[in-house]
Every structure is written in structure tokens, then in C-alpha cells.
Amino acid sequence: MKIFLILIGTLALVFGVKFIYDARPIVKKYFSFGDKNEATLGLKILGFLLTIFGGTILYFIY
């Protein structure tokens, strides 16, 4: 169970950081609606929440 939670926390942390730093290219590639600034902001917020979630899991596991 501990290894599973470490894996989930690490993946959430990695995807969160990826969403924060590469939000604009991801939005340009996968989404094609008008306001790309709002989509970029939404993806960065999602990345921030994933980072907090993954970091919290890893913090409490160790």
C-alpha cells in the first residue's frame, strides 16, 4: 500500500509541475476554443492543485 501511495503522489507531483510550466503549449495543442488565456489559467490551477495533492501524500507517507 505504501508503494502505491508513493507512486500516486509522485505521478501527481510530476503531472502538476508539467501542467504549470507547459500550460500554454498544451492548450495550443489540445484545445481549440477562443479564449486561450482562461484555459491556460485553468490548467495552471489544476497543476497547482495536483502538486499540492502529490506533495501532501509524499509528506505524510515519509
Protein backbone atom coordinates (compact mmCIF):
# COMPACT_ATOMS: atom_id res chain seq x y z
CA MET A 1 0.00 0.00 0.00
CA LYS A 2 2.84 2.35 0.81
CA ILE A 3 4.47 1.85 -2.61
CA PHE A 4 1.14 2.50 -4.33
CA LEU A 5 0.68 5.80 -2.46
CA ILE A 6 4.26 6.84 -3.23
CA LEU A 7 3.63 6.12 -6.92
CA ILE A 8 0.37 8.10 -6.94
CA GLY A 9 1.97 11.03 -5.09
CA THR A 10 4.97 11.12 -7.40
CA LEU A 11 2.83 10.97 -10.54
CA ALA A 12 0.55 13.73 -9.26
CA LEU A 13 3.57 15.86 -8.45
CA VAL A 14 5.18 15.32 -11.86
CA PHE A 15 1.99 15.99 -13.81
CA GLY A 16 1.24 19.06 -11.68
CA VAL A 17 4.63 20.61 -12.39
CA LYS A 18 4.29 19.72 -16.09
CA PHE A 19 0.89 21.43 -16.25
CA ILE A 20 2.22 24.55 -14.53
CA TYR A 21 5.26 25.05 -16.74
CA ASP A 22 3.88 23.87 -20.09
CA ALA A 23 0.30 25.13 -19.83
CA ARG A 24 0.33 27.34 -22.92
CA PRO A 25 1.79 24.76 -25.36
CA ILE A 26 -0.60 22.11 -24.02
CA VAL A 27 -3.57 24.43 -24.55
CA LYS A 28 -2.43 25.33 -28.06
CA LYS A 29 -2.01 21.67 -28.99
CA TYR A 30 -5.11 20.05 -27.48
CA PHE A 31 -7.77 22.76 -27.12
CA SER A 32 -9.15 24.90 -29.89
CA PHE A 33 -11.59 27.31 -28.32
CA GLY A 34 -11.41 31.09 -28.35
CA ASP A 35 -10.05 32.26 -25.02
CA LYS A 36 -6.72 30.53 -24.54
CA ASN A 37 -5.73 32.71 -21.58
CA GLU A 38 -8.55 31.33 -19.43
CA ALA A 39 -7.73 27.77 -20.47
CA THR A 40 -4.08 28.35 -19.60
CA LEU A 41 -5.05 29.73 -16.21
CA GLY A 42 -7.32 26.76 -15.57
CA LEU A 43 -4.56 24.31 -16.47
CA LYS A 44 -2.10 26.11 -14.18
CA ILE A 45 -4.59 25.98 -11.32
CA LEU A 46 -5.11 22.26 -11.96
CA GLY A 47 -1.34 21.78 -11.95
CA PHE A 48 -1.02 23.68 -8.68
CA LEU A 49 -3.70 21.54 -7.04
CA LEU A 50 -2.09 18.33 -8.32
CA THR A 51 1.27 19.49 -6.97
CA ILE A 52 -0.22 20.21 -3.55
CA PHE A 53 -2.02 16.84 -3.56
CA GLY A 54 1.07 14.85 -4.56
CA GLY A 55 3.34 16.72 -2.18
CA THR A 56 0.95 16.19 0.71
CA ILE A 57 0.75 12.46 0.03
CA LEU A 58 4.52 12.15 -0.10
CA TYR A 59 4.93 14.28 3.02
CA PHE A 60 2.65 12.11 5.12
CA ILE A 61 3.98 8.80 3.76
CA TYR A 62 7.51 9.55 4.93
